[in-house]
């Protein structure tokens, strides 16, 4: 059985956990990147942020994109 890679993102380089910016408007992946990831065959995806979704967007687009594809 072939192995599948795990994709890890280091998004918060230079922002320490506990800093105000860590809990605020942290960077997130856009739709184009999310589609690329979801259409590939990764075993898992890891992030160094609190959540996959932008805090300001209550529609939760990345999560809504992942759930129907059973990627979370």
C-alpha atoms as a PDB file:
ATOM      1  CA  UNK A   1       0.000   0.000   0.000  1.00  0.00           C
ATOM      2  CA  UNK A   2       1.536   3.377  -0.967  1.00  0.00           C
ATOM      3  CA  UNK A   3       2.064   5.943   1.752  1.00  0.00           C
ATOM      4  CA  UNK A   4       0.327   9.306   1.601  1.00  0.00           C
ATOM      5  CA  UNK A   5       2.032  12.513   2.722  1.00  0.00           C
ATOM      6  CA  UNK A   6       0.965  14.706   5.595  1.00  0.00           C
ATOM      7  CA  UNK A   7       0.961  18.408   4.731  1.00  0.00           C
ATOM      8  CA  UNK A   8       1.977  20.831   7.505  1.00  0.00           C
ATOM      9  CA  UNK A   9       1.797  24.628   7.351  1.00  0.00           C
ATOM     10  CA  UNK A  10       3.833  27.003   9.484  1.00  0.00           C
ATOM     11  CA  UNK A  11       1.730  30.123   9.052  1.00  0.00           C
ATOM     12  CA  UNK A  12       2.466  32.066  12.226  1.00  0.00           C
ATOM     13  CA  UNK A  13       6.216  32.384  11.842  1.00  0.00           C
ATOM     14  CA  UNK A  14       7.291  35.229  14.109  1.00  0.00           C
ATOM     15  CA  UNK A  15       4.019  35.428  16.050  1.00  0.00           C
ATOM     16  CA  UNK A  16       4.292  33.866  19.464  1.00  0.00           C
ATOM     17  CA  UNK A  17       1.431  31.995  21.077  1.00  0.00           C
ATOM     18  CA  UNK A  18      -0.292  34.234  23.557  1.00  0.00           C
ATOM     19  CA  UNK A  19       0.416  37.429  21.612  1.00  0.00           C
ATOM     20  CA  UNK A  20      -2.631  39.539  20.767  1.00  0.00           C
ATOM     21  CA  UNK A  21      -2.107  38.955  17.031  1.00  0.00           C
ATOM     22  CA  UNK A  22      -2.211  35.179  17.628  1.00  0.00           C
ATOM     23  CA  UNK A  23      -5.852  35.436  18.753  1.00  0.00           C
ATOM     24  CA  UNK A  24      -6.853  38.041  16.166  1.00  0.00           C
ATOM     25  CA  UNK A  25      -6.849  38.220  12.418  1.00  0.00           C
ATOM     26  CA  UNK A  26      -4.317  35.454  11.763  1.00  0.00           C
ATOM     27  CA  UNK A  27      -3.505  34.428   8.175  1.00  0.00           C
ATOM     28  CA  UNK A  28      -5.594  31.665   6.602  1.00  0.00           C
ATOM     29  CA  UNK A  29      -5.483  29.668   3.401  1.00  0.00           C
ATOM     30  CA  UNK A  30      -7.559  31.015   0.515  1.00  0.00           C
ATOM     31  CA  UNK A  31     -10.085  29.025  -1.535  1.00  0.00           C
ATOM     32  CA  UNK A  32      -7.630  28.231  -4.326  1.00  0.00           C
ATOM     33  CA  UNK A  33      -5.136  26.645  -1.919  1.00  0.00           C
ATOM     34  CA  UNK A  34      -7.886  24.782  -0.060  1.00  0.00           C
ATOM     35  CA  UNK A  35      -9.193  23.325  -3.342  1.00  0.00           C
ATOM     36  CA  UNK A  36      -5.683  22.220  -4.303  1.00  0.00           C
ATOM     37  CA  UNK A  37      -5.191  20.493  -0.943  1.00  0.00           C
ATOM     38  CA  UNK A  38      -8.619  18.849  -0.927  1.00  0.00           C
ATOM     39  CA  UNK A  39      -8.243  17.531  -4.463  1.00  0.00           C
ATOM     40  CA  UNK A  40      -4.959  15.805  -3.646  1.00  0.00           C
ATOM     41  CA  UNK A  41      -4.477  12.607  -1.677  1.00  0.00           C
ATOM     42  CA  UNK A  42      -3.009  13.833   1.620  1.00  0.00           C
ATOM     43  CA  UNK A  43      -3.309  11.653   4.704  1.00  0.00           C
ATOM     44  CA  UNK A  44      -3.620  14.719   6.903  1.00  0.00           C
ATOM     45  CA  UNK A  45      -3.195  18.470   7.074  1.00  0.00           C
ATOM     46  CA  UNK A  46      -1.657  20.358  10.003  1.00  0.00           C
ATOM     47  CA  UNK A  47      -1.693  24.051  10.905  1.00  0.00           C
ATOM     48  CA  UNK A  48      -0.055  26.127  13.616  1.00  0.00           C
ATOM     49  CA  UNK A  49      -3.085  28.384  14.024  1.00  0.00           C
ATOM     50  CA  UNK A  50      -6.072  28.230  16.372  1.00  0.00           C
ATOM     51  CA  UNK A  51      -8.517  27.344  13.618  1.00  0.00           C
ATOM     52  CA  UNK A  52      -8.875  26.796   9.931  1.00  0.00           C
ATOM     53  CA  UNK A  53     -11.368  29.643   9.514  1.00  0.00           C
ATOM     54  CA  UNK A  54     -10.780  33.396   9.648  1.00  0.00           C
ATOM     55  CA  UNK A  55     -12.156  34.759  12.921  1.00  0.00           C
ATOM     56  CA  UNK A  56     -14.091  37.523  11.135  1.00  0.00           C
ATOM     57  CA  UNK A  57     -15.945  35.148   8.786  1.00  0.00           C
ATOM     58  CA  UNK A  58     -18.887  33.473  10.531  1.00  0.00           C
ATOM     59  CA  UNK A  59     -19.689  31.464   7.384  1.00  0.00           C
ATOM     60  CA  UNK A  60     -16.662  29.202   8.049  1.00  0.00           C
ATOM     61  CA  UNK A  61     -15.791  28.695   4.348  1.00  0.00           C
ATOM     62  CA  UNK A  62     -12.765  26.380   4.779  1.00  0.00           C
ATOM     63  CA  UNK A  63     -14.639  24.097   7.171  1.00  0.00           C
ATOM     64  CA  UNK A  64     -17.730  24.048   4.939  1.00  0.00           C
ATOM     65  CA  UNK A  65     -15.457  23.124   2.023  1.00  0.00           C
ATOM     66  CA  UNK A  66     -13.822  20.259   3.936  1.00  0.00           C
ATOM     67  CA  UNK A  67     -16.812  18.619   5.624  1.00  0.00           C
ATOM     68  CA  UNK A  68     -18.651  17.346   2.527  1.00  0.00           C
ATOM     69  CA  UNK A  69     -15.408  15.770   1.363  1.00  0.00           C
ATOM     70  CA  UNK A  70     -14.833  14.145   4.779  1.00  0.00           C
ATOM     71  CA  UNK A  71     -11.419  15.776   5.072  1.00  0.00           C
ATOM     72  CA  UNK A  72     -11.665  16.901   8.708  1.00  0.00           C
END
